[in-house]
Amino acid sequence: MISSENKSESNERLEFLGDAIIDLIVAEYLYELYPGDDEGYLTRLKSKIVNRKSLSLIGNKMGIRDYLTYNSDRTVNLNSLEGNAFEALMGAMYLDAGYNRTKKSFRNHVIRKYANINRLIEEEVDFKSRLLIWCQRKHLLLEFIVVSETRVNNETFFVVIAVINKKNYGQGKGTAKKVAEQKAAKETLDLMGETY
């Protein structure tokens, strides 16, 4: 709730706007970050980032609770309020600064400091474990080989290839070796017709 001169005003309209802005920013970010992945994978990943639990966690990490004004006579879920307030903040930023500046702020501050994209990717589906189990069933040797490691703007990018019985299959790229391995495993499973 926003309080001014003893009047309380609901943030629900700003929350509605902020929710749509966050959804668009994250969708665009994932679209650019993962050019080879299909819409189903991107949708599942986006839903892990743009959900009540994740947004509440981001709001909590940002310390939004310290600035909340709410009706203490009612039973409230402060975690949920933090997520709502974060959405309202993004809506207000959009109205004040426009889409491009809001997107830049979200990418440079929120995603880098408060949203662990790499962990969310690993939680989405453990393609590496699935591929390992598939290879073990068929008595095949699986290796993940780093073919390149480059640094761009203080970030390290890895390129990894999944090798089965000394034959190259899927390739993955990412800012962490584990992420690149997951993507190489996913591409390999796609090639094998084992992704579902």
N, C-alpha and C. Protein backbone atom coordinates (compact mmCIF):
# COMPACT_ATOMS: atom_id res chain seq x y z
N MET A 1 0.84 -1.19 0.00
CA MET A 1 0.00 0.00 0.00
C MET A 1 0.88 1.25 0.00
N ILE A 2 0.45 2.27 -0.70
CA ILE A 2 1.14 3.56 -0.69
C ILE A 2 0.35 4.49 0.20
N SER A 3 1.09 5.17 1.06
CA SER A 3 0.40 6.06 1.99
C SER A 3 0.81 7.50 1.71
N SER A 4 -0.17 8.39 1.63
CA SER A 4 0.15 9.81 1.50
C SER A 4 -0.93 10.61 2.20
N GLU A 5 -0.47 11.49 3.10
CA GLU A 5 -1.37 12.34 3.88
C GLU A 5 -2.50 11.55 4.52
N ASN A 6 -2.12 10.46 5.19
CA ASN A 6 -3.04 9.59 5.92
C ASN A 6 -4.08 8.89 5.04
N LYS A 7 -3.91 8.95 3.74
CA LYS A 7 -4.80 8.22 2.84
C LYS A 7 -4.05 7.02 2.29
N SER A 8 -4.74 5.92 2.20
CA SER A 8 -4.13 4.72 1.63
C SER A 8 -4.69 4.49 0.25
N GLU A 9 -3.81 4.12 -0.63
CA GLU A 9 -4.21 3.87 -2.01
C GLU A 9 -3.68 2.50 -2.40
N SER A 10 -4.49 1.70 -3.01
CA SER A 10 -4.09 0.36 -3.41
C SER A 10 -3.10 0.41 -4.56
N ASN A 11 -2.16 -0.53 -4.53
CA ASN A 11 -1.18 -0.65 -5.61
C ASN A 11 -1.63 -1.63 -6.69
N GLU A 12 -2.86 -2.12 -6.60
CA GLU A 12 -3.27 -3.22 -7.47
C GLU A 12 -3.16 -2.89 -8.96
N ARG A 13 -3.47 -1.66 -9.35
CA ARG A 13 -3.35 -1.30 -10.77
C ARG A 13 -1.88 -1.29 -11.20
N LEU A 14 -1.00 -0.78 -10.33
CA LEU A 14 0.43 -0.80 -10.64
C LEU A 14 0.97 -2.23 -10.65
N GLU A 15 0.46 -3.08 -9.76
CA GLU A 15 0.86 -4.50 -9.75
C GLU A 15 0.50 -5.15 -11.08
N PHE A 16 -0.71 -4.89 -11.55
CA PHE A 16 -1.18 -5.43 -12.82
C PHE A 16 -0.25 -5.02 -13.96
N LEU A 17 0.09 -3.73 -14.01
CA LEU A 17 0.97 -3.21 -15.05
C LEU A 17 2.37 -3.80 -14.90
N GLY A 18 2.89 -3.80 -13.67
CA GLY A 18 4.23 -4.31 -13.41
C GLY A 18 4.37 -5.78 -13.78
N ASP A 19 3.33 -6.55 -13.49
CA ASP A 19 3.33 -7.98 -13.84
C ASP A 19 3.51 -8.16 -15.34
N ALA A 20 2.78 -7.37 -16.13
CA ALA A 20 2.89 -7.47 -17.59
C ALA A 20 4.26 -7.02 -18.08
N ILE A 21 4.82 -5.98 -17.48
CA ILE A 21 6.13 -5.47 -17.88
C ILE A 21 7.22 -6.50 -17.56
N ILE A 22 7.18 -7.08 -16.36
CA ILE A 22 8.16 -8.10 -15.96
C ILE A 22 8.07 -9.28 -16.92
N ASP A 23 6.85 -9.70 -17.23
CA ASP A 23 6.63 -10.83 -18.13
C ASP A 23 7.29 -10.58 -19.48
N LEU A 24 7.10 -9.38 -20.01
CA LEU A 24 7.66 -9.03 -21.32
C LEU A 24 9.19 -8.96 -21.26
N ILE A 25 9.72 -8.32 -20.23
CA ILE A 25 11.18 -8.18 -20.11
C ILE A 25 11.84 -9.55 -20.02
N VAL A 26 11.29 -10.43 -19.20
CA VAL A 26 11.87 -11.76 -19.02
C VAL A 26 11.73 -12.59 -20.29
N ALA A 27 10.58 -12.50 -20.95
CA ALA A 27 10.37 -13.23 -22.21
C ALA A 27 11.40 -12.80 -23.26
N GLU A 28 11.60 -11.49 -23.38
CA GLU A 28 12.56 -10.96 -24.35
C GLU A 28 13.98 -11.38 -23.99
N TYR A 29 14.30 -11.35 -22.69
CA TYR A 29 15.63 -11.74 -22.20
C TYR A 29 15.93 -13.20 -22.54
N LEU A 30 14.98 -14.08 -22.26
CA LEU A 30 15.17 -15.51 -22.53
C LEU A 30 15.21 -15.80 -24.03
N TYR A 31 14.40 -15.07 -24.79
CA TYR A 31 14.38 -15.23 -26.24
C TYR A 31 15.76 -14.93 -26.83
N GLU A 32 16.40 -13.88 -26.33
CA GLU A 32 17.73 -13.51 -26.81
C GLU A 32 18.81 -14.44 -26.27
N LEU A 33 18.66 -14.86 -25.01
CA LEU A 33 19.68 -15.68 -24.35
C LEU A 33 19.73 -17.10 -24.89
N TYR A 34 18.58 -17.64 -25.31
CA TYR A 34 18.50 -19.02 -25.77
C TYR A 34 17.88 -19.10 -27.16
N PRO A 35 18.64 -18.69 -28.19
CA PRO A 35 18.08 -18.62 -29.54
C PRO A 35 17.71 -19.99 -30.13
N GLY A 36 18.30 -21.06 -29.62
CA GLY A 36 18.03 -22.38 -30.19
C GLY A 36 16.93 -23.16 -29.50
N ASP A 37 16.38 -22.63 -28.43
CA ASP A 37 15.39 -23.39 -27.65
C ASP A 37 13.97 -23.08 -28.10
N ASP A 38 13.11 -24.10 -28.00
CA ASP A 38 11.73 -23.93 -28.46
C ASP A 38 10.89 -23.18 -27.43
N GLU A 39 9.67 -22.80 -27.86
CA GLU A 39 8.81 -21.95 -27.03
C GLU A 39 8.37 -22.67 -25.76
N GLY A 40 8.23 -23.99 -25.82
CA GLY A 40 7.82 -24.74 -24.62
C GLY A 40 8.85 -24.63 -23.52
N TYR A 41 10.12 -24.80 -23.88
CA TYR A 41 11.21 -24.69 -22.90
C TYR A 41 11.28 -23.26 -22.35
N LEU A 42 11.20 -22.26 -23.25
CA LEU A 42 11.27 -20.86 -22.82
C LEU A 42 10.10 -20.51 -21.91
N THR A 43 8.93 -21.03 -22.21
CA THR A 43 7.74 -20.77 -21.39
C THR A 43 7.91 -21.36 -19.99
N ARG A 44 8.41 -22.60 -19.92
CA ARG A 44 8.62 -23.24 -18.61
C ARG A 44 9.65 -22.47 -17.80
N LEU A 45 10.71 -22.02 -18.47
CA LEU A 45 11.76 -21.28 -17.78
C LEU A 45 11.23 -19.93 -17.30
N LYS A 46 10.46 -19.26 -18.15
CA LYS A 46 9.90 -17.96 -17.77
C LYS A 46 8.97 -18.09 -16.57
N SER A 47 8.20 -19.17 -16.55
CA SER A 47 7.26 -19.36 -15.44
C SER A 47 7.98 -19.60 -14.12
N LYS A 48 9.22 -20.10 -14.19
CA LYS A 48 10.00 -20.27 -12.96
C LYS A 48 10.52 -18.93 -12.44
N ILE A 49 10.75 -17.99 -13.36
CA ILE A 49 11.27 -16.67 -12.96
C ILE A 49 10.13 -15.74 -12.59
N VAL A 50 9.06 -15.75 -13.40
CA VAL A 50 7.94 -14.84 -13.18
C VAL A 50 6.80 -15.61 -12.50
N ASN A 51 6.98 -15.92 -11.23
CA ASN A 51 5.90 -16.52 -10.45
C ASN A 51 5.90 -15.87 -9.07
N ARG A 52 4.85 -16.10 -8.33
CA ARG A 52 4.68 -15.44 -7.03
C ARG A 52 5.86 -15.70 -6.10
N LYS A 53 6.31 -16.95 -6.03
CA LYS A 53 7.41 -17.30 -5.12
C LYS A 53 8.71 -16.57 -5.49
N SER A 54 9.06 -16.60 -6.78
CA SER A 54 10.30 -15.95 -7.23
C SER A 54 10.25 -14.44 -7.04
N LEU A 55 9.11 -13.83 -7.41
CA LEU A 55 8.99 -12.37 -7.28
C LEU A 55 9.00 -11.95 -5.81
N SER A 56 8.40 -12.77 -4.94
CA SER A 56 8.43 -12.48 -3.50
C SER A 56 9.85 -12.58 -2.96
N LEU A 57 10.59 -13.57 -3.45
CA LEU A 57 11.98 -13.75 -3.02
C LEU A 57 12.84 -12.56 -3.47
N ILE A 58 12.61 -12.11 -4.70
CA ILE A 58 13.33 -10.93 -5.21
C ILE A 58 13.00 -9.72 -4.35
N GLY A 59 11.70 -9.52 -4.07
CA GLY A 59 11.28 -8.40 -3.22
C GLY A 59 11.91 -8.47 -1.85
N ASN A 60 12.01 -9.68 -1.30
CA ASN A 60 12.62 -9.87 0.02
C ASN A 60 14.11 -9.53 -0.02
N LYS A 61 14.81 -10.02 -1.03
CA LYS A 61 16.26 -9.75 -1.16
C LYS A 61 16.53 -8.26 -1.36
N MET A 62 15.59 -7.57 -1.99
CA MET A 62 15.76 -6.13 -2.23
C MET A 62 15.43 -5.31 -0.98
N GLY A 63 14.85 -5.94 0.04
CA GLY A 63 14.51 -5.23 1.27
C GLY A 63 13.25 -4.39 1.16
N ILE A 64 12.36 -4.79 0.26
CA ILE A 64 11.11 -4.03 0.05
C ILE A 64 10.26 -4.00 1.31
N ARG A 65 10.32 -5.04 2.12
CA ARG A 65 9.50 -5.12 3.34
C ARG A 65 9.68 -3.89 4.24
N ASP A 66 10.90 -3.35 4.25
CA ASP A 66 11.19 -2.20 5.11
C ASP A 66 10.39 -0.96 4.70
N TYR A 67 9.85 -0.95 3.50
CA TYR A 67 9.15 0.24 2.99
C TYR A 67 7.65 0.01 2.81
N LEU A 68 7.17 -1.16 3.21
CA LEU A 68 5.75 -1.47 3.04
C LEU A 68 4.88 -0.81 4.10
N THR A 69 3.76 -0.30 3.68
CA THR A 69 2.72 0.18 4.59
C THR A 69 1.49 -0.67 4.33
N TYR A 70 0.99 -1.30 5.36
CA TYR A 70 -0.17 -2.18 5.19
C TYR A 70 -1.02 -2.17 6.44
N ASN A 71 -2.22 -2.70 6.32
CA ASN A 71 -3.16 -2.75 7.42
C ASN A 71 -2.76 -3.86 8.38
N SER A 72 -2.18 -3.50 9.51
CA SER A 72 -1.68 -4.49 10.47
C SER A 72 -2.81 -5.16 11.26
N ASP A 73 -4.05 -4.64 11.13
CA ASP A 73 -5.18 -5.26 11.81
C ASP A 73 -5.60 -6.57 11.12
N ARG A 74 -5.24 -6.69 9.84
CA ARG A 74 -5.59 -7.89 9.08
C ARG A 74 -4.42 -8.86 9.05
N THR A 75 -4.72 -10.13 8.92
CA THR A 75 -3.67 -11.12 8.74
C THR A 75 -3.17 -11.02 7.32
N VAL A 76 -1.87 -10.77 7.17
CA VAL A 76 -1.30 -10.60 5.83
C VAL A 76 -0.10 -11.53 5.66
N ASN A 77 0.12 -11.93 4.43
CA ASN A 77 1.29 -12.71 4.07
C ASN A 77 2.34 -11.72 3.56
N LEU A 78 3.33 -11.43 4.40
CA LEU A 78 4.33 -10.42 4.02
C LEU A 78 5.13 -10.83 2.80
N ASN A 79 5.37 -12.14 2.63
CA ASN A 79 6.10 -12.59 1.44
C ASN A 79 5.32 -12.23 0.18
N SER A 80 4.02 -12.46 0.21
CA SER A 80 3.18 -12.15 -0.94
C SER A 80 3.14 -10.64 -1.18
N LEU A 81 3.09 -9.87 -0.10
CA LEU A 81 3.09 -8.40 -0.22
C LEU A 81 4.38 -7.90 -0.87
N GLU A 82 5.51 -8.56 -0.54
CA GLU A 82 6.80 -8.16 -1.14
C GLU A 82 6.78 -8.36 -2.65
N GLY A 83 6.24 -9.49 -3.09
CA GLY A 83 6.14 -9.76 -4.52
C GLY A 83 5.21 -8.76 -5.21
N ASN A 84 4.08 -8.48 -4.57
CA ASN A 84 3.13 -7.50 -5.12
C ASN A 84 3.77 -6.12 -5.20
N ALA A 85 4.48 -5.75 -4.15
CA ALA A 85 5.13 -4.43 -4.12
C ALA A 85 6.22 -4.33 -5.19
N PHE A 86 6.93 -5.44 -5.41
CA PHE A 86 7.95 -5.44 -6.47
C PHE A 86 7.30 -5.22 -7.84
N GLU A 87 6.17 -5.90 -8.09
CA GLU A 87 5.45 -5.70 -9.35
C GLU A 87 5.00 -4.24 -9.48
N ALA A 88 4.48 -3.68 -8.39
CA ALA A 88 4.02 -2.28 -8.41
C ALA A 88 5.19 -1.33 -8.69
N LEU A 89 6.34 -1.64 -8.11
CA LEU A 89 7.55 -0.84 -8.33
C LEU A 89 7.94 -0.85 -9.81
N MET A 90 7.89 -2.02 -10.43
CA MET A 90 8.23 -2.11 -11.85
C MET A 90 7.19 -1.37 -12.71
N GLY A 91 5.92 -1.44 -12.32
CA GLY A 91 4.88 -0.69 -13.03
C GLY A 91 5.12 0.80 -12.93
N ALA A 92 5.48 1.27 -11.72
CA ALA A 92 5.75 2.70 -11.51
C ALA A 92 6.98 3.14 -12.30
N MET A 93 8.00 2.28 -12.32
CA MET A 93 9.21 2.60 -13.10
C MET A 93 8.89 2.77 -14.58
N TYR A 94 8.06 1.85 -15.07
CA TYR A 94 7.67 1.90 -16.48
C TYR A 94 6.94 3.22 -16.79
N LEU A 95 6.00 3.61 -15.93
CA LEU A 95 5.26 4.85 -16.15
C LEU A 95 6.17 6.07 -16.07
N ASP A 96 7.15 6.00 -15.19
CA ASP A 96 8.03 7.14 -14.96
C ASP A 96 9.16 7.23 -15.99
N ALA A 97 9.75 6.07 -16.34
CA ALA A 97 10.98 6.09 -17.15
C ALA A 97 10.82 5.45 -18.53
N GLY A 98 9.72 4.75 -18.78
CA GLY A 98 9.54 4.10 -20.07
C GLY A 98 10.08 2.67 -20.08
N TYR A 99 9.75 1.95 -21.15
CA TYR A 99 10.09 0.53 -21.22
C TYR A 99 11.59 0.27 -21.26
N ASN A 100 12.32 0.98 -22.14
CA ASN A 100 13.74 0.68 -22.32
C ASN A 100 14.56 0.88 -21.05
N ARG A 101 14.29 1.95 -20.32
CA ARG A 101 15.04 2.18 -19.07
C ARG A 101 14.63 1.19 -18.00
N THR A 102 13.36 0.82 -17.96
CA THR A 102 12.89 -0.19 -17.00
C THR A 102 13.54 -1.54 -17.31
N LYS A 103 13.59 -1.89 -18.59
CA LYS A 103 14.23 -3.14 -19.01
C LYS A 103 15.71 -3.15 -18.63
N LYS A 104 16.39 -2.05 -18.89
CA LYS A 104 17.82 -1.97 -18.58
C LYS A 104 18.05 -2.13 -17.08
N SER A 105 17.24 -1.47 -16.28
CA SER A 105 17.36 -1.57 -14.83
C SER A 105 17.07 -2.99 -14.36
N PHE A 106 16.03 -3.61 -14.92
CA PHE A 106 15.66 -4.97 -14.53
C PHE A 106 16.79 -5.95 -14.87
N ARG A 107 17.33 -5.82 -16.08
CA ARG A 107 18.40 -6.73 -16.50
C ARG A 107 19.69 -6.51 -15.71
N ASN A 108 20.06 -5.26 -15.55
CA ASN A 108 21.35 -4.95 -14.91
C ASN A 108 21.34 -5.13 -13.40
N HIS A 109 20.19 -4.92 -12.78
CA HIS A 109 20.15 -4.98 -11.31
C HIS A 109 19.38 -6.19 -10.79
N VAL A 110 18.17 -6.37 -11.26
CA VAL A 110 17.34 -7.45 -10.72
C VAL A 110 17.86 -8.81 -11.14
N ILE A 111 18.05 -9.01 -12.45
CA ILE A 111 18.50 -10.33 -12.92
C ILE A 111 19.90 -10.63 -12.41
N ARG A 112 20.80 -9.68 -12.48
CA ARG A 112 22.19 -9.94 -12.06
C ARG A 112 22.34 -10.14 -10.56
N LYS A 113 21.58 -9.36 -9.77
CA LYS A 113 21.78 -9.41 -8.32
C LYS A 113 20.81 -10.33 -7.59
N TYR A 114 19.59 -10.46 -8.09
CA TYR A 114 18.56 -11.12 -7.28
C TYR A 114 17.93 -12.37 -7.90
N ALA A 115 18.06 -12.56 -9.21
CA ALA A 115 17.45 -13.74 -9.85
C ALA A 115 18.55 -14.64 -10.37
N ASN A 116 18.72 -15.81 -9.78
CA ASN A 116 19.77 -16.74 -10.19
C ASN A 116 19.26 -17.58 -11.36
N ILE A 117 19.44 -17.05 -12.58
CA ILE A 117 18.94 -17.71 -13.78
C ILE A 117 19.57 -19.09 -13.95
N ASN A 118 20.89 -19.19 -13.69
CA ASN A 118 21.57 -20.48 -13.87
C ASN A 118 20.97 -21.56 -12.98
N ARG A 119 20.66 -21.21 -11.72
CA ARG A 119 20.07 -22.20 -10.81
C ARG A 119 18.68 -22.60 -11.30
N LEU A 120 17.91 -21.63 -11.78
CA LEU A 120 16.57 -21.92 -12.28
C LEU A 120 16.62 -22.85 -13.49
N ILE A 121 17.63 -22.66 -14.35
CA ILE A 121 17.78 -23.53 -15.52
C ILE A 121 18.06 -24.96 -15.07
N GLU A 122 18.96 -25.09 -14.10
CA GLU A 122 19.30 -26.43 -13.60
C GLU A 122 18.08 -27.09 -12.97
N GLU A 123 17.23 -26.29 -12.30
CA GLU A 123 16.05 -26.85 -11.66
C GLU A 123 14.97 -27.21 -12.67
N GLU A 124 14.97 -26.56 -13.84
CA GLU A 124 13.92 -26.77 -14.83
C GLU A 124 13.84 -28.26 -15.20
N VAL A 125 14.86 -28.79 -15.76
CA VAL A 125 14.91 -30.22 -16.06
C VAL A 125 16.37 -30.61 -16.04
N ASP A 126 16.68 -31.69 -15.39
CA ASP A 126 18.06 -32.15 -15.34
C ASP A 126 18.32 -33.03 -16.56
N PHE A 127 18.57 -32.37 -17.71
CA PHE A 127 18.80 -33.10 -18.95
C PHE A 127 20.07 -33.94 -18.87
N LYS A 128 21.07 -33.44 -18.15
CA LYS A 128 22.34 -34.16 -18.04
C LYS A 128 22.12 -35.53 -17.38
N SER A 129 21.37 -35.55 -16.27
CA SER A 129 21.10 -36.81 -15.58
C SER A 129 20.26 -37.73 -16.46
N ARG A 130 19.29 -37.14 -17.16
CA ARG A 130 18.43 -37.95 -18.04
C ARG A 130 19.26 -38.60 -19.14
N LEU A 131 20.20 -37.83 -19.73
CA LEU A 131 21.06 -38.37 -20.79
C LEU A 131 22.00 -39.44 -20.23
N LEU A 132 22.53 -39.20 -19.05
CA LEU A 132 23.42 -40.18 -18.41
C LEU A 132 22.70 -41.52 -18.19
N ILE A 133 21.48 -41.45 -17.70
CA ILE A 133 20.68 -42.67 -17.47
C ILE A 133 20.41 -43.38 -18.79
N TRP A 134 20.08 -42.60 -19.83
CA TRP A 134 19.82 -43.16 -21.16
C TRP A 134 21.06 -43.89 -21.68
N CYS A 135 22.24 -43.27 -21.52
CA CYS A 135 23.50 -43.89 -21.97
C CYS A 135 23.83 -45.14 -21.15
N GLN A 136 23.61 -45.10 -19.85
CA GLN A 136 23.89 -46.26 -19.00
C GLN A 136 23.03 -47.45 -19.40
N ARG A 137 21.76 -47.20 -19.70
CA ARG A 137 20.86 -48.28 -20.12
C ARG A 137 21.36 -48.96 -21.40
N LYS A 138 21.98 -48.17 -22.27
CA LYS A 138 22.43 -48.69 -23.56
C LYS A 138 23.92 -49.03 -23.54
N HIS A 139 24.53 -48.94 -22.34
CA HIS A 139 25.97 -49.26 -22.16
C HIS A 139 26.85 -48.39 -23.07
N LEU A 140 26.55 -47.09 -23.09
CA LEU A 140 27.32 -46.13 -23.89
C LEU A 140 28.12 -45.22 -22.96
N LEU A 141 29.30 -44.80 -23.43
CA LEU A 141 30.16 -43.91 -22.64
C LEU A 141 29.80 -42.46 -22.96
N LEU A 142 29.46 -41.69 -21.93
CA LEU A 142 29.08 -40.28 -22.09
C LEU A 142 30.14 -39.38 -21.46
N GLU A 143 30.55 -38.37 -22.22
CA GLU A 143 31.48 -37.36 -21.71
C GLU A 143 30.97 -35.98 -22.12
N PHE A 144 31.29 -34.98 -21.30
CA PHE A 144 31.03 -33.60 -21.65
C PHE A 144 32.37 -32.90 -21.76
N ILE A 145 32.66 -32.34 -22.92
CA ILE A 145 33.96 -31.73 -23.18
C ILE A 145 33.78 -30.24 -23.43
N VAL A 146 34.55 -29.43 -22.69
CA VAL A 146 34.54 -27.98 -22.90
C VAL A 146 35.41 -27.69 -24.12
N VAL A 147 34.80 -27.14 -25.18
CA VAL A 147 35.55 -26.87 -26.40
C VAL A 147 36.03 -25.42 -26.47
N SER A 148 35.39 -24.54 -25.69
CA SER A 148 35.90 -23.16 -25.62
C SER A 148 35.42 -22.49 -24.34
N GLU A 149 36.22 -21.53 -23.92
CA GLU A 149 35.92 -20.75 -22.72
C GLU A 149 36.40 -19.33 -23.00
N THR A 150 35.45 -18.40 -23.17
CA THR A 150 35.82 -17.03 -23.51
C THR A 150 35.25 -16.05 -22.49
N ARG A 151 35.94 -14.92 -22.35
CA ARG A 151 35.47 -13.88 -21.42
C ARG A 151 35.02 -12.66 -22.18
N VAL A 152 33.77 -12.24 -21.90
CA VAL A 152 33.21 -11.05 -22.54
C VAL A 152 32.54 -10.21 -21.45
N ASN A 153 32.96 -8.95 -21.32
CA ASN A 153 32.37 -8.03 -20.33
C ASN A 153 32.28 -8.66 -18.93
N ASN A 154 33.39 -9.18 -18.46
CA ASN A 154 33.50 -9.78 -17.11
C ASN A 154 32.65 -11.03 -16.91
N GLU A 155 32.17 -11.63 -18.01
CA GLU A 155 31.43 -12.88 -17.91
C GLU A 155 32.14 -13.94 -18.72
N THR A 156 32.19 -15.16 -18.18
CA THR A 156 32.81 -16.27 -18.89
C THR A 156 31.74 -17.06 -19.60
N PHE A 157 31.97 -17.36 -20.88
CA PHE A 157 31.04 -18.15 -21.68
C PHE A 157 31.71 -19.48 -22.03
N PHE A 158 30.98 -20.56 -21.79
CA PHE A 158 31.48 -21.90 -22.06
C PHE A 158 30.72 -22.50 -23.24
N VAL A 159 31.45 -23.24 -24.06
CA VAL A 159 30.83 -24.07 -25.10
C VAL A 159 31.21 -25.51 -24.78
N VAL A 160 30.19 -26.36 -24.64
CA VAL A 160 30.40 -27.75 -24.24
C VAL A 160 29.76 -28.66 -25.28
N ILE A 161 30.42 -29.78 -25.57
CA ILE A 161 29.86 -30.78 -26.48
C ILE A 161 29.65 -32.08 -25.71
N ALA A 162 28.50 -32.70 -25.93
CA ALA A 162 28.23 -34.02 -25.37
C ALA A 162 28.82 -35.05 -26.34
N VAL A 163 29.65 -35.93 -25.82
CA VAL A 163 30.31 -36.95 -26.64
C VAL A 163 29.87 -38.32 -26.15
N ILE A 164 29.31 -39.11 -27.07
CA ILE A 164 28.87 -40.46 -26.74
C ILE A 164 29.67 -41.45 -27.57
N ASN A 165 30.38 -42.32 -26.87
CA ASN A 165 31.25 -43.31 -27.53
C ASN A 165 32.17 -42.64 -28.56
N LYS A 166 32.78 -41.54 -28.12
CA LYS A 166 33.75 -40.77 -28.91
C LYS A 166 33.16 -40.08 -30.14
N LYS A 167 31.82 -39.96 -30.20
CA LYS A 167 31.17 -39.25 -31.30
C LYS A 167 30.46 -38.01 -30.75
N ASN A 168 30.70 -36.85 -31.40
CA ASN A 168 30.11 -35.60 -30.96
C ASN A 168 28.62 -35.56 -31.26
N TYR A 169 27.86 -35.07 -30.26
CA TYR A 169 26.42 -34.91 -30.43
C TYR A 169 26.04 -33.46 -30.13
N GLY A 170 25.23 -33.23 -29.12
CA GLY A 170 24.72 -31.89 -28.85
C GLY A 170 25.77 -30.93 -28.34
N GLN A 171 25.52 -29.66 -28.62
CA GLN A 171 26.41 -28.59 -28.15
C GLN A 171 25.60 -27.62 -27.31
N GLY A 172 26.22 -27.09 -26.26
CA GLY A 172 25.55 -26.12 -25.41
C GLY A 172 26.46 -24.96 -25.07
N LYS A 173 25.84 -23.79 -24.91
CA LYS A 173 26.59 -22.59 -24.53
C LYS A 173 25.95 -22.00 -23.28
N GLY A 174 26.76 -21.41 -22.42
CA GLY A 174 26.22 -20.78 -21.23
C GLY A 174 27.27 -20.05 -20.43
N THR A 175 26.81 -19.26 -19.47
CA THR A 175 27.74 -18.49 -18.63
C THR A 175 28.27 -19.32 -17.46
N ALA A 176 27.83 -20.56 -17.37
CA ALA A 176 28.37 -21.50 -16.39
C ALA A 176 28.53 -22.84 -17.10
N LYS A 177 29.55 -23.60 -16.71
CA LYS A 177 29.80 -24.89 -17.35
C LYS A 177 28.60 -25.82 -17.20
N LYS A 178 27.96 -25.80 -16.02
CA LYS A 178 26.81 -26.67 -15.78
C LYS A 178 25.65 -26.34 -16.72
N VAL A 179 25.45 -25.05 -16.96
CA VAL A 179 24.38 -24.63 -17.86
C VAL A 179 24.67 -25.11 -19.28
N ALA A 180 25.92 -24.94 -19.72
CA ALA A 180 26.32 -25.39 -21.06
C ALA A 180 26.15 -26.90 -21.19
N GLU A 181 26.49 -27.64 -20.14
CA GLU A 181 26.33 -29.10 -20.16
C GLU A 181 24.86 -29.48 -20.26
N GLN A 182 24.00 -28.78 -19.51
CA GLN A 182 22.56 -29.05 -19.56
C GLN A 182 22.04 -28.83 -20.98
N LYS A 183 22.47 -27.76 -21.61
CA LYS A 183 21.99 -27.45 -22.95
C LYS A 183 22.53 -28.45 -23.97
N ALA A 184 23.78 -28.89 -23.79
CA ALA A 184 24.35 -29.91 -24.68
C ALA A 184 23.60 -31.23 -24.52
N ALA A 185 23.26 -31.55 -23.27
CA ALA A 185 22.51 -32.78 -23.01
C ALA A 185 21.11 -32.70 -23.62
N LYS A 186 20.46 -31.54 -23.49
CA LYS A 186 19.12 -31.37 -24.06
C LYS A 186 19.15 -31.52 -25.57
N GLU A 187 20.13 -30.90 -26.22
CA GLU A 187 20.23 -30.99 -27.67
C GLU A 187 20.49 -32.44 -28.11
N THR A 188 21.30 -33.15 -27.32
CA THR A 188 21.58 -34.56 -27.62
C THR A 188 20.32 -35.40 -27.49
N LEU A 189 19.56 -35.18 -26.43
CA LEU A 189 18.30 -35.91 -26.26
C LEU A 189 17.32 -35.59 -27.38
N ASP A 190 17.31 -34.32 -27.83
CA ASP A 190 16.47 -33.93 -28.97
C ASP A 190 16.87 -34.73 -30.22
N LEU A 191 18.19 -34.81 -30.44
CA LEU A 191 18.70 -35.54 -31.61
C LEU A 191 18.32 -37.02 -31.55
N MET A 192 18.29 -37.55 -30.34
CA MET A 192 17.96 -38.97 -30.14
C MET A 192 16.45 -39.21 -30.14
N GLY A 193 15.67 -38.13 -30.14
CA GLY A 193 14.23 -38.27 -30.06
C GLY A 193 13.76 -38.67 -28.68
N GLU A 194 14.55 -38.30 -27.65
CA GLU A 194 14.25 -38.70 -26.27
C GLU A 194 13.75 -37.55 -25.41
N THR A 195 13.54 -36.37 -26.00
CA THR A 195 13.02 -35.25 -25.20
C THR A 195 11.51 -35.33 -25.14
N TYR A 196 10.95 -35.19 -23.95
CA TYR A 196 9.50 -35.21 -23.79
C TYR A 196 9.09 -34.26 -22.72
